[in-house]
N, C-alpha and C. Protein backbone atom coordinates (compact mmCIF):
# COMPACT_ATOMS: atom_id res chain seq x y z
N MET A 1 0.72 -1.17 -0.04
CA MET A 1 -0.09 0.04 0.09
C MET A 1 0.85 1.25 0.10
N THR A 2 0.64 2.20 -0.94
CA THR A 2 1.35 3.33 -1.01
C THR A 2 0.61 4.61 -0.39
N THR A 3 1.29 5.24 0.47
CA THR A 3 0.52 6.52 1.05
C THR A 3 0.93 7.64 0.19
N THR A 4 -0.16 8.53 0.15
CA THR A 4 0.17 9.72 -0.75
C THR A 4 1.04 10.88 -0.08
N PHE A 5 1.84 11.62 -0.48
CA PHE A 5 2.58 12.77 0.23
C PHE A 5 1.88 13.89 -0.34
N PHE A 6 0.93 14.75 0.31
CA PHE A 6 0.45 15.90 -0.32
C PHE A 6 1.18 17.12 0.04
N VAL A 7 1.58 17.84 -1.19
CA VAL A 7 2.41 19.01 -0.94
C VAL A 7 1.49 20.26 -1.43
N CYS A 8 1.46 21.10 -0.56
CA CYS A 8 0.48 22.28 -0.77
C CYS A 8 1.40 23.53 -1.32
N GLY A 9 0.95 24.36 -2.37
CA GLY A 9 1.77 25.49 -2.65
C GLY A 9 0.56 26.81 -2.10
N VAL A 10 1.39 27.78 -1.65
CA VAL A 10 0.74 28.82 -1.08
C VAL A 10 1.43 30.17 -1.61
N ASP A 11 0.57 31.34 -1.88
CA ASP A 11 1.03 32.47 -2.35
C ASP A 11 -0.06 33.36 -1.87
N GLU A 12 0.25 34.68 -2.00
CA GLU A 12 -0.65 35.94 -1.60
C GLU A 12 -0.85 36.79 -2.78
N ALA A 13 -1.99 37.67 -2.84
CA ALA A 13 -1.96 38.70 -3.73
C ALA A 13 -2.42 39.89 -2.92
N GLY A 14 -1.96 41.00 -3.32
CA GLY A 14 -2.40 42.26 -2.69
C GLY A 14 -1.62 42.88 -1.63
N ARG A 15 -0.47 42.72 -1.34
CA ARG A 15 0.37 43.15 -0.37
C ARG A 15 0.57 44.82 -0.73
N GLY A 16 0.62 45.19 -2.04
CA GLY A 16 0.98 46.48 -2.20
C GLY A 16 -0.24 47.72 -2.22
N PRO A 17 -1.40 47.21 -2.70
CA PRO A 17 -2.40 48.19 -2.64
C PRO A 17 -2.66 49.02 -1.38
N LEU A 18 -3.26 50.03 -1.61
CA LEU A 18 -3.77 50.97 -0.62
C LEU A 18 -5.05 50.67 0.00
N ALA A 19 -5.81 49.65 -0.69
CA ALA A 19 -7.18 49.37 -0.19
C ALA A 19 -7.45 47.89 -0.55
N GLY A 20 -8.32 47.35 0.51
CA GLY A 20 -8.77 46.18 0.47
C GLY A 20 -8.04 45.02 1.09
N PRO A 21 -8.60 43.91 1.24
CA PRO A 21 -7.88 42.86 1.97
C PRO A 21 -6.68 42.35 0.97
N VAL A 22 -5.80 41.63 1.83
CA VAL A 22 -4.73 40.74 1.28
C VAL A 22 -5.28 39.40 1.14
N TYR A 23 -5.04 38.64 -0.26
CA TYR A 23 -5.54 37.37 -0.28
C TYR A 23 -4.54 36.35 -0.26
N ALA A 24 -4.83 35.11 0.21
CA ALA A 24 -3.85 34.13 0.04
C ALA A 24 -4.72 32.84 -0.46
N ALA A 25 -3.85 31.97 -1.20
CA ALA A 25 -4.41 30.82 -1.66
C ALA A 25 -3.63 29.58 -1.28
N ALA A 26 -3.99 28.57 -0.86
CA ALA A 26 -3.41 27.23 -0.80
C ALA A 26 -3.93 26.05 -1.68
N VAL A 27 -2.95 25.43 -2.48
CA VAL A 27 -3.54 24.56 -3.53
C VAL A 27 -2.59 23.23 -3.36
N ILE A 28 -3.33 22.09 -3.50
CA ILE A 28 -2.71 20.79 -3.62
C ILE A 28 -3.05 20.34 -5.11
N LEU A 29 -2.15 20.20 -5.79
CA LEU A 29 -2.35 19.76 -7.11
C LEU A 29 -2.38 18.21 -7.35
N ASP A 30 -3.13 17.83 -8.16
CA ASP A 30 -3.08 16.26 -8.62
C ASP A 30 -1.89 15.98 -9.35
N PRO A 31 -0.94 15.15 -8.90
CA PRO A 31 0.24 14.80 -9.58
C PRO A 31 -0.07 14.01 -10.89
N ASP A 32 -1.23 13.46 -11.01
CA ASP A 32 -1.56 12.75 -12.23
C ASP A 32 -2.48 13.67 -13.35
N PHE A 33 -2.47 14.99 -13.17
CA PHE A 33 -3.19 15.93 -13.99
C PHE A 33 -2.49 17.32 -13.93
N ALA A 34 -1.63 17.19 -14.97
CA ALA A 34 -0.84 18.54 -15.27
C ALA A 34 -1.58 19.47 -15.87
N ILE A 35 -1.58 20.68 -15.31
CA ILE A 35 -2.32 21.95 -15.81
C ILE A 35 -1.23 22.73 -16.64
N GLU A 36 -1.40 22.92 -17.85
CA GLU A 36 -0.56 23.47 -18.81
C GLU A 36 -0.48 25.13 -18.64
N GLY A 37 0.55 25.77 -18.69
CA GLY A 37 0.66 27.19 -18.70
C GLY A 37 0.54 27.84 -17.22
N LEU A 38 0.90 27.08 -16.08
CA LEU A 38 1.03 27.64 -14.80
C LEU A 38 2.30 28.58 -14.83
N GLY A 39 2.25 29.60 -14.04
CA GLY A 39 3.28 30.59 -14.01
C GLY A 39 2.94 31.73 -13.10
N ASP A 40 3.83 32.57 -12.88
CA ASP A 40 3.70 33.62 -12.05
C ASP A 40 2.35 34.35 -12.44
N SER A 41 1.50 34.62 -11.63
CA SER A 41 0.11 35.05 -12.11
C SER A 41 0.38 36.57 -12.56
N LYS A 42 1.44 37.30 -12.14
CA LYS A 42 1.55 38.68 -12.50
C LYS A 42 2.03 38.81 -13.92
N LYS A 43 2.58 37.63 -14.53
CA LYS A 43 3.14 37.57 -15.82
C LYS A 43 2.23 36.98 -16.70
N LEU A 44 0.81 36.65 -16.34
CA LEU A 44 -0.07 36.09 -17.24
C LEU A 44 -1.18 37.22 -17.50
N SER A 45 -1.92 37.02 -18.68
CA SER A 45 -2.79 37.97 -18.89
C SER A 45 -3.92 37.70 -18.11
N GLU A 46 -4.96 38.71 -17.91
CA GLU A 46 -6.13 38.48 -17.03
C GLU A 46 -6.96 37.36 -17.56
N ARG A 47 -7.04 37.33 -18.83
CA ARG A 47 -7.88 36.20 -19.45
C ARG A 47 -7.31 34.71 -19.36
N LYS A 48 -6.00 34.65 -19.43
CA LYS A 48 -5.34 33.45 -19.16
C LYS A 48 -5.38 33.06 -17.57
N ARG A 49 -5.23 34.03 -16.68
CA ARG A 49 -5.30 33.66 -15.27
C ARG A 49 -6.85 33.29 -15.00
N GLU A 50 -7.89 33.92 -15.45
CA GLU A 50 -9.27 33.38 -15.31
C GLU A 50 -9.44 32.08 -15.74
N GLN A 51 -8.92 31.69 -16.94
CA GLN A 51 -8.83 30.25 -17.58
C GLN A 51 -8.49 29.29 -16.64
N LEU A 52 -7.00 29.59 -16.26
CA LEU A 52 -6.22 28.79 -15.39
C LEU A 52 -7.07 28.59 -14.10
N ALA A 53 -7.52 29.77 -13.48
CA ALA A 53 -8.31 29.47 -12.13
C ALA A 53 -9.41 28.31 -12.25
N ILE A 54 -10.11 28.42 -13.33
CA ILE A 54 -11.27 27.48 -13.59
C ILE A 54 -10.67 26.05 -13.49
N GLU A 55 -9.66 26.05 -14.29
CA GLU A 55 -8.84 24.56 -14.48
C GLU A 55 -8.43 24.06 -13.08
N ILE A 56 -7.90 25.11 -12.28
CA ILE A 56 -7.15 24.70 -11.05
C ILE A 56 -8.34 24.30 -10.18
N ARG A 57 -9.43 25.15 -10.00
CA ARG A 57 -10.48 24.81 -9.11
C ARG A 57 -11.13 23.49 -9.32
N GLN A 58 -11.22 23.14 -10.73
CA GLN A 58 -11.68 21.87 -11.09
C GLN A 58 -10.84 20.64 -10.87
N HIS A 59 -9.59 20.77 -11.03
CA HIS A 59 -8.70 19.65 -11.21
C HIS A 59 -7.85 19.50 -10.01
N ALA A 60 -7.65 20.38 -8.86
CA ALA A 60 -6.93 20.35 -7.94
C ALA A 60 -7.43 19.31 -6.83
N ILE A 61 -6.51 18.74 -6.24
CA ILE A 61 -7.18 17.77 -5.11
C ILE A 61 -7.87 18.60 -4.11
N ALA A 62 -7.03 19.62 -3.60
CA ALA A 62 -7.89 20.50 -2.78
C ALA A 62 -7.44 21.98 -3.02
N TRP A 63 -8.07 23.04 -2.59
CA TRP A 63 -7.64 24.25 -2.78
C TRP A 63 -8.62 25.10 -1.63
N ALA A 64 -8.12 26.32 -1.27
CA ALA A 64 -8.58 27.22 -0.57
C ALA A 64 -8.15 28.73 -0.70
N VAL A 65 -9.05 29.64 -0.52
CA VAL A 65 -8.58 31.16 -0.53
C VAL A 65 -9.16 31.63 0.71
N ALA A 66 -8.27 32.57 1.19
CA ALA A 66 -8.38 32.98 2.54
C ALA A 66 -8.01 34.72 2.41
N THR A 67 -8.41 35.55 3.51
CA THR A 67 -8.15 36.91 3.35
C THR A 67 -7.71 37.31 4.69
N ALA A 68 -7.03 38.53 4.88
CA ALA A 68 -6.87 39.31 5.83
C ALA A 68 -7.26 40.70 5.48
N SER A 69 -8.36 41.22 6.54
CA SER A 69 -9.04 42.57 6.01
C SER A 69 -7.99 43.48 6.34
N ALA A 70 -8.47 44.89 5.51
CA ALA A 70 -7.77 46.03 5.74
C ALA A 70 -7.47 46.55 7.13
N THR A 71 -8.52 46.15 7.93
CA THR A 71 -8.46 46.48 9.41
C THR A 71 -7.26 45.74 10.09
N GLU A 72 -7.41 44.29 9.83
CA GLU A 72 -6.12 43.41 10.34
C GLU A 72 -4.96 43.95 9.74
N ILE A 73 -4.80 44.32 8.51
CA ILE A 73 -3.51 44.86 8.00
C ILE A 73 -3.04 46.17 8.73
N ASP A 74 -3.99 46.94 9.14
CA ASP A 74 -3.59 48.26 9.90
C ASP A 74 -3.13 47.81 11.36
N GLU A 75 -3.85 46.64 11.82
CA GLU A 75 -3.55 46.19 13.20
C GLU A 75 -2.29 45.56 13.49
N ILE A 76 -1.81 44.67 12.53
CA ILE A 76 -0.70 43.65 12.71
C ILE A 76 0.24 43.86 11.66
N ASN A 77 0.18 45.00 10.73
CA ASN A 77 1.07 45.17 9.52
C ASN A 77 0.92 44.11 8.39
N ILE A 78 1.34 44.58 7.19
CA ILE A 78 0.97 43.82 5.91
C ILE A 78 1.68 42.51 6.09
N LEU A 79 2.93 42.29 6.50
CA LEU A 79 3.60 41.08 6.52
C LEU A 79 2.92 40.11 7.23
N GLN A 80 2.59 40.53 8.43
CA GLN A 80 1.84 39.50 9.35
C GLN A 80 0.53 39.21 8.92
N ALA A 81 -0.34 40.15 8.34
CA ALA A 81 -1.64 39.92 7.82
C ALA A 81 -1.44 39.03 6.53
N SER A 82 -0.45 39.14 5.65
CA SER A 82 -0.19 38.06 4.51
C SER A 82 -0.01 36.74 5.09
N LEU A 83 0.79 36.65 6.11
CA LEU A 83 1.09 35.24 6.79
C LEU A 83 -0.21 34.88 7.47
N LEU A 84 -0.99 35.72 8.01
CA LEU A 84 -2.34 35.20 8.57
C LEU A 84 -3.35 34.60 7.36
N ALA A 85 -3.30 35.38 6.36
CA ALA A 85 -4.18 34.96 5.38
C ALA A 85 -3.59 33.56 4.77
N MET A 86 -2.38 33.45 4.72
CA MET A 86 -1.97 32.11 4.27
C MET A 86 -2.16 31.04 5.13
N LYS A 87 -2.01 31.26 6.42
CA LYS A 87 -2.25 30.24 7.49
C LYS A 87 -3.89 29.90 7.35
N ARG A 88 -4.91 30.98 7.33
CA ARG A 88 -6.13 30.72 7.13
C ARG A 88 -6.47 29.80 5.87
N ALA A 89 -5.73 30.00 4.57
CA ALA A 89 -5.85 29.41 3.38
C ALA A 89 -5.49 27.86 3.60
N VAL A 90 -4.24 27.63 4.28
CA VAL A 90 -4.02 26.28 4.67
C VAL A 90 -4.90 25.52 5.51
N GLU A 91 -5.44 26.20 6.59
CA GLU A 91 -6.24 25.53 7.37
C GLU A 91 -7.49 25.40 6.82
N GLY A 92 -7.94 26.00 5.77
CA GLY A 92 -9.17 25.95 4.81
C GLY A 92 -9.10 24.78 3.90
N LEU A 93 -8.15 24.23 3.76
CA LEU A 93 -8.00 22.98 2.82
C LEU A 93 -8.84 21.77 3.33
N ALA A 94 -9.39 21.14 2.41
CA ALA A 94 -10.27 19.83 2.97
C ALA A 94 -9.27 18.83 3.19
N ILE A 95 -8.02 18.82 2.77
CA ILE A 95 -6.98 17.74 3.09
C ILE A 95 -5.99 18.59 3.75
N ARG A 96 -5.33 17.80 4.90
CA ARG A 96 -4.31 18.54 5.54
C ARG A 96 -3.13 18.08 4.71
N PRO A 97 -2.09 19.11 4.27
CA PRO A 97 -0.79 18.61 3.46
C PRO A 97 -0.04 18.21 4.41
N ASP A 98 1.17 17.47 3.85
CA ASP A 98 2.21 17.00 4.48
C ASP A 98 3.40 17.96 4.46
N GLU A 99 3.37 18.91 3.60
CA GLU A 99 4.36 19.90 3.41
C GLU A 99 3.76 21.07 2.71
N VAL A 100 4.32 22.31 3.04
CA VAL A 100 3.60 23.41 2.67
C VAL A 100 4.90 24.45 1.98
N LEU A 101 4.75 24.48 0.64
CA LEU A 101 5.67 25.43 -0.06
C LEU A 101 5.04 26.92 -0.20
N VAL A 102 5.89 27.74 0.34
CA VAL A 102 5.41 29.22 0.17
C VAL A 102 6.38 30.09 -0.74
N ASP A 103 5.67 30.91 -1.45
CA ASP A 103 6.38 31.83 -2.32
C ASP A 103 6.91 33.01 -1.49
N GLY A 104 8.06 33.20 -1.43
CA GLY A 104 8.85 34.38 -0.79
C GLY A 104 9.74 33.99 -0.04
N LEU A 105 9.89 34.63 1.15
CA LEU A 105 10.86 34.47 2.24
C LEU A 105 10.45 34.16 3.67
N TYR A 106 9.10 34.04 3.83
CA TYR A 106 8.55 33.75 4.99
C TYR A 106 7.59 32.55 4.91
N CYS A 107 7.34 31.92 5.95
CA CYS A 107 6.15 31.00 6.11
C CYS A 107 5.13 31.04 7.36
N PRO A 108 3.99 31.01 6.91
CA PRO A 108 3.17 31.05 8.08
C PRO A 108 3.10 29.83 8.90
N ASP A 109 2.94 30.08 10.22
CA ASP A 109 3.03 29.09 11.30
C ASP A 109 1.80 28.12 11.20
N THR A 110 1.88 27.06 10.68
CA THR A 110 0.67 26.25 10.33
C THR A 110 0.88 24.71 11.14
N GLY A 111 2.06 24.74 11.58
CA GLY A 111 2.21 23.40 12.45
C GLY A 111 2.68 22.30 11.52
N ILE A 112 2.98 22.54 10.23
CA ILE A 112 3.13 21.66 9.11
C ILE A 112 4.50 22.15 8.60
N SER A 113 5.27 20.94 8.13
CA SER A 113 6.56 21.34 7.66
C SER A 113 6.44 22.29 6.42
N SER A 114 7.42 23.27 6.48
CA SER A 114 7.01 24.50 5.50
C SER A 114 8.35 24.85 5.00
N ARG A 115 8.45 25.25 3.69
CA ARG A 115 9.65 25.90 3.03
C ARG A 115 9.08 27.11 2.47
N ALA A 116 9.90 28.19 2.48
CA ALA A 116 9.85 29.37 1.69
C ALA A 116 10.56 29.19 0.47
N ILE A 117 10.24 29.51 -0.71
CA ILE A 117 10.73 29.48 -1.99
C ILE A 117 10.74 30.78 -2.69
N VAL A 118 11.97 31.64 -2.68
CA VAL A 118 11.72 32.71 -3.55
C VAL A 118 11.63 32.51 -5.02
N LYS A 119 10.65 33.36 -5.52
CA LYS A 119 10.34 33.07 -6.94
C LYS A 119 9.61 31.78 -7.18
N GLY A 120 8.96 31.45 -6.02
CA GLY A 120 8.26 30.05 -6.33
C GLY A 120 7.21 30.03 -7.13
N ASP A 121 6.46 31.16 -7.19
CA ASP A 121 5.38 31.12 -8.24
C ASP A 121 5.83 30.95 -9.67
N SER A 122 7.14 31.22 -9.99
CA SER A 122 7.69 30.87 -11.34
C SER A 122 8.11 29.46 -11.42
N SER A 123 8.44 28.73 -10.22
CA SER A 123 9.36 27.54 -10.40
C SER A 123 8.52 26.37 -9.82
N VAL A 124 7.42 26.53 -9.01
CA VAL A 124 6.78 25.32 -8.49
C VAL A 124 5.21 25.60 -8.95
N ALA A 125 4.88 24.55 -9.49
CA ALA A 125 3.34 24.47 -10.03
C ALA A 125 2.48 24.71 -9.00
N ALA A 126 2.43 24.08 -7.88
CA ALA A 126 1.42 24.49 -6.75
C ALA A 126 1.45 25.70 -6.29
N ILE A 127 2.70 26.30 -6.34
CA ILE A 127 2.56 27.73 -5.76
C ILE A 127 2.20 28.76 -6.95
N SER A 128 2.40 28.37 -8.20
CA SER A 128 1.92 29.15 -9.27
C SER A 128 0.26 29.05 -9.22
N ALA A 129 -0.15 27.94 -9.11
CA ALA A 129 -1.78 27.71 -9.09
C ALA A 129 -2.13 28.56 -7.91
N ALA A 130 -1.46 28.56 -6.63
CA ALA A 130 -1.87 29.37 -5.62
C ALA A 130 -1.88 30.89 -5.88
N SER A 131 -0.93 31.23 -6.65
CA SER A 131 -0.71 32.70 -7.06
C SER A 131 -1.70 32.99 -7.79
N ILE A 132 -2.32 32.17 -8.75
CA ILE A 132 -3.40 32.52 -9.85
C ILE A 132 -4.68 32.65 -9.04
N LEU A 133 -4.95 31.65 -8.12
CA LEU A 133 -6.28 31.70 -7.21
C LEU A 133 -6.28 32.91 -6.61
N ALA A 134 -5.14 33.23 -5.76
CA ALA A 134 -5.13 34.30 -4.94
C ALA A 134 -5.36 35.78 -5.67
N LYS A 135 -4.74 35.83 -6.93
CA LYS A 135 -4.82 37.11 -7.77
C LYS A 135 -6.09 37.19 -8.36
N THR A 136 -6.75 36.14 -8.90
CA THR A 136 -8.10 36.09 -9.39
C THR A 136 -9.17 36.49 -8.33
N ALA A 137 -9.05 35.81 -7.22
CA ALA A 137 -10.18 36.07 -6.12
C ALA A 137 -9.94 37.59 -5.74
N ARG A 138 -8.91 38.06 -5.57
CA ARG A 138 -8.54 39.56 -5.13
C ARG A 138 -9.10 40.56 -6.24
N ASP A 139 -8.89 40.29 -7.55
CA ASP A 139 -9.45 41.11 -8.46
C ASP A 139 -10.84 41.13 -8.52
N LEU A 140 -11.41 40.02 -8.35
CA LEU A 140 -12.92 40.09 -8.32
C LEU A 140 -13.49 40.75 -7.02
N ALA A 141 -12.93 40.64 -5.95
CA ALA A 141 -13.33 41.48 -4.87
C ALA A 141 -13.21 42.79 -4.88
N MET A 142 -12.09 43.30 -5.76
CA MET A 142 -12.14 44.56 -5.99
C MET A 142 -12.95 45.19 -7.02
N LEU A 143 -13.51 44.37 -7.91
CA LEU A 143 -14.44 44.67 -8.81
C LEU A 143 -15.82 44.86 -8.11
N GLN A 144 -15.87 44.09 -6.95
CA GLN A 144 -17.16 44.14 -6.16
C GLN A 144 -17.14 45.50 -5.27
N MET A 145 -15.80 45.68 -4.83
CA MET A 145 -15.61 47.09 -3.96
C MET A 145 -15.81 48.02 -5.06
N HIS A 146 -15.63 48.10 -6.11
CA HIS A 146 -15.96 49.23 -7.14
C HIS A 146 -17.24 49.55 -7.20
N GLU A 147 -18.27 48.52 -7.00
CA GLU A 147 -19.69 48.84 -6.99
C GLU A 147 -20.08 49.54 -5.66
N SER A 148 -19.45 49.34 -4.61
CA SER A 148 -19.85 49.98 -3.50
C SER A 148 -19.31 51.51 -3.31
N TYR A 149 -17.92 51.40 -4.03
CA TYR A 149 -17.17 52.85 -4.04
C TYR A 149 -16.69 53.19 -5.39
N PRO A 150 -17.67 53.41 -6.24
CA PRO A 150 -17.10 53.73 -7.62
C PRO A 150 -16.32 54.82 -7.82
N GLN A 151 -16.44 55.82 -6.84
CA GLN A 151 -15.64 57.08 -7.16
C GLN A 151 -14.03 56.81 -7.00
N TYR A 152 -13.71 55.55 -6.49
CA TYR A 152 -12.10 55.49 -6.55
C TYR A 152 -11.62 54.73 -7.70
N GLY A 153 -12.38 54.28 -8.51
CA GLY A 153 -11.85 53.42 -9.53
C GLY A 153 -11.23 52.18 -9.35
N PHE A 154 -11.71 51.19 -8.22
CA PHE A 154 -11.06 50.16 -7.87
C PHE A 154 -10.90 49.08 -9.13
N ASP A 155 -12.05 49.12 -10.22
CA ASP A 155 -12.03 48.50 -11.05
C ASP A 155 -10.96 48.42 -11.98
N ALA A 156 -10.24 49.67 -12.05
CA ALA A 156 -9.29 49.89 -12.97
C ALA A 156 -7.91 49.44 -12.25
N HIS A 157 -7.68 50.01 -11.14
CA HIS A 157 -6.22 50.03 -10.48
C HIS A 157 -6.14 48.93 -9.29
N LYS A 158 -7.35 48.46 -8.95
CA LYS A 158 -7.38 47.23 -8.04
C LYS A 158 -6.87 47.56 -6.66
N GLY A 159 -6.88 48.99 -6.34
CA GLY A 159 -6.26 49.60 -5.06
C GLY A 159 -4.94 50.00 -5.06
N TYR A 160 -4.08 49.63 -6.28
CA TYR A 160 -2.74 50.25 -6.18
C TYR A 160 -2.68 51.61 -6.29
N PRO A 161 -1.47 52.16 -5.83
CA PRO A 161 -1.23 53.53 -5.77
C PRO A 161 -0.93 54.21 -7.11
N THR A 162 -2.02 54.19 -7.86
CA THR A 162 -1.87 54.89 -9.43
C THR A 162 -2.19 56.45 -9.20
N ALA A 163 -1.73 57.04 -10.18
CA ALA A 163 -2.10 58.57 -10.26
C ALA A 163 -3.57 58.61 -10.19
N ALA A 164 -4.25 57.90 -10.76
CA ALA A 164 -5.85 58.12 -10.79
C ALA A 164 -6.33 57.84 -9.17
N HIS A 165 -5.60 56.78 -8.60
CA HIS A 165 -6.24 56.30 -7.34
C HIS A 165 -5.74 57.55 -6.29
N MET A 166 -4.60 57.98 -6.51
CA MET A 166 -4.12 59.15 -5.56
C MET A 166 -5.10 60.23 -5.52
N ALA A 167 -5.37 60.73 -6.84
CA ALA A 167 -6.19 61.78 -7.19
C ALA A 167 -7.75 61.73 -6.58
N ALA A 168 -8.14 60.46 -6.59
CA ALA A 168 -9.43 60.14 -6.16
C ALA A 168 -9.51 60.04 -4.50
N LEU A 169 -8.38 59.53 -3.93
CA LEU A 169 -8.31 59.66 -2.64
C LEU A 169 -8.21 61.13 -2.06
N LYS A 170 -7.51 62.19 -2.80
CA LYS A 170 -7.45 63.51 -2.46
C LYS A 170 -8.78 64.09 -2.63
N LEU A 171 -9.47 63.87 -3.63
CA LEU A 171 -10.87 64.39 -3.83
C LEU A 171 -12.00 63.82 -2.96
N HIS A 172 -11.97 62.60 -2.59
CA HIS A 172 -13.15 61.87 -2.02
C HIS A 172 -12.68 61.47 -0.49
N GLY A 173 -11.55 61.85 0.00
CA GLY A 173 -10.95 60.98 1.17
C GLY A 173 -10.86 59.58 1.25
N ILE A 174 -10.79 59.14 2.38
CA ILE A 174 -10.60 57.59 2.56
C ILE A 174 -11.88 56.75 2.56
N SER A 175 -12.00 55.62 2.14
CA SER A 175 -13.08 54.83 2.44
C SER A 175 -12.77 53.94 3.57
N PRO A 176 -13.75 53.09 3.90
CA PRO A 176 -13.61 52.09 5.09
C PRO A 176 -12.72 51.13 4.62
N GLU A 177 -12.56 50.76 3.27
CA GLU A 177 -11.62 49.80 2.80
C GLU A 177 -10.13 50.19 2.57
N HIS A 178 -9.70 51.35 2.80
CA HIS A 178 -8.45 51.90 2.71
C HIS A 178 -7.73 51.49 3.99
N ARG A 179 -6.28 51.14 3.68
CA ARG A 179 -5.41 50.74 4.70
C ARG A 179 -4.84 51.94 5.34
N LYS A 180 -5.45 52.30 6.51
CA LYS A 180 -4.95 53.54 7.20
C LYS A 180 -3.53 53.73 7.52
N SER A 181 -2.91 52.39 7.75
CA SER A 181 -1.37 52.35 8.06
C SER A 181 -0.42 52.48 6.87
N PHE A 182 -0.97 52.48 5.72
CA PHE A 182 0.07 52.60 4.55
C PHE A 182 0.27 54.20 4.39
N ARG A 183 1.51 54.75 4.10
CA ARG A 183 1.65 55.97 4.15
C ARG A 183 0.83 57.00 3.26
N PRO A 184 0.65 56.68 2.05
CA PRO A 184 -0.32 57.70 1.28
C PRO A 184 -1.60 57.92 1.80
N VAL A 185 -2.15 56.92 2.41
CA VAL A 185 -3.67 56.95 3.07
C VAL A 185 -3.31 57.61 4.50
N ARG A 186 -2.44 57.34 5.12
CA ARG A 186 -2.17 57.94 6.67
C ARG A 186 -1.77 59.60 6.32
N GLU A 187 -1.18 59.74 5.32
CA GLU A 187 -0.94 61.32 5.15
C GLU A 187 -2.19 62.13 4.95
N LEU A 188 -3.21 61.29 4.54
CA LEU A 188 -4.54 61.98 4.19
C LEU A 188 -5.36 62.20 5.38
N LEU A 189 -5.00 61.41 6.49
CA LEU A 189 -5.76 61.42 7.82
C LEU A 189 -5.78 62.59 8.53
């Protein structure tokens, strides 16, 4: 009898924006089903990310997406909030992984053997898959946030500090979704 060793890839999306939650995803890929075209979500077109996200959700052994809110980011800082979202994603998996591979320099404390891999989203398929799920989930959330706060243009810049976003902040002030601990927002308070 062979026992299966489950490796989970983890990545986050939305550390840099001035508004909205940070998202993280955890994915255990099926070793018998290769998903073509996985890569760093930032280097893929929006259309390609959307297509891959559907395929990942259909064919992964397990996947989960989790967040840490703008309030949590302000309370514990963006790095700790990113790690918290990652921990929540891993804990949200239907199957407990045997190993957790995380994009970047730091691992969330999950109680599971973990390794941080710099540029892991470009080199490890499961991390690439997590990167794609986190990015597509966050982009969708920012489109929904745009419906509540259309004056900020979240549908276009997804909360990043673009010239248009900075102009909207100066004109309209901050929304409840803005990260008050981030300097451009803090300076407007």
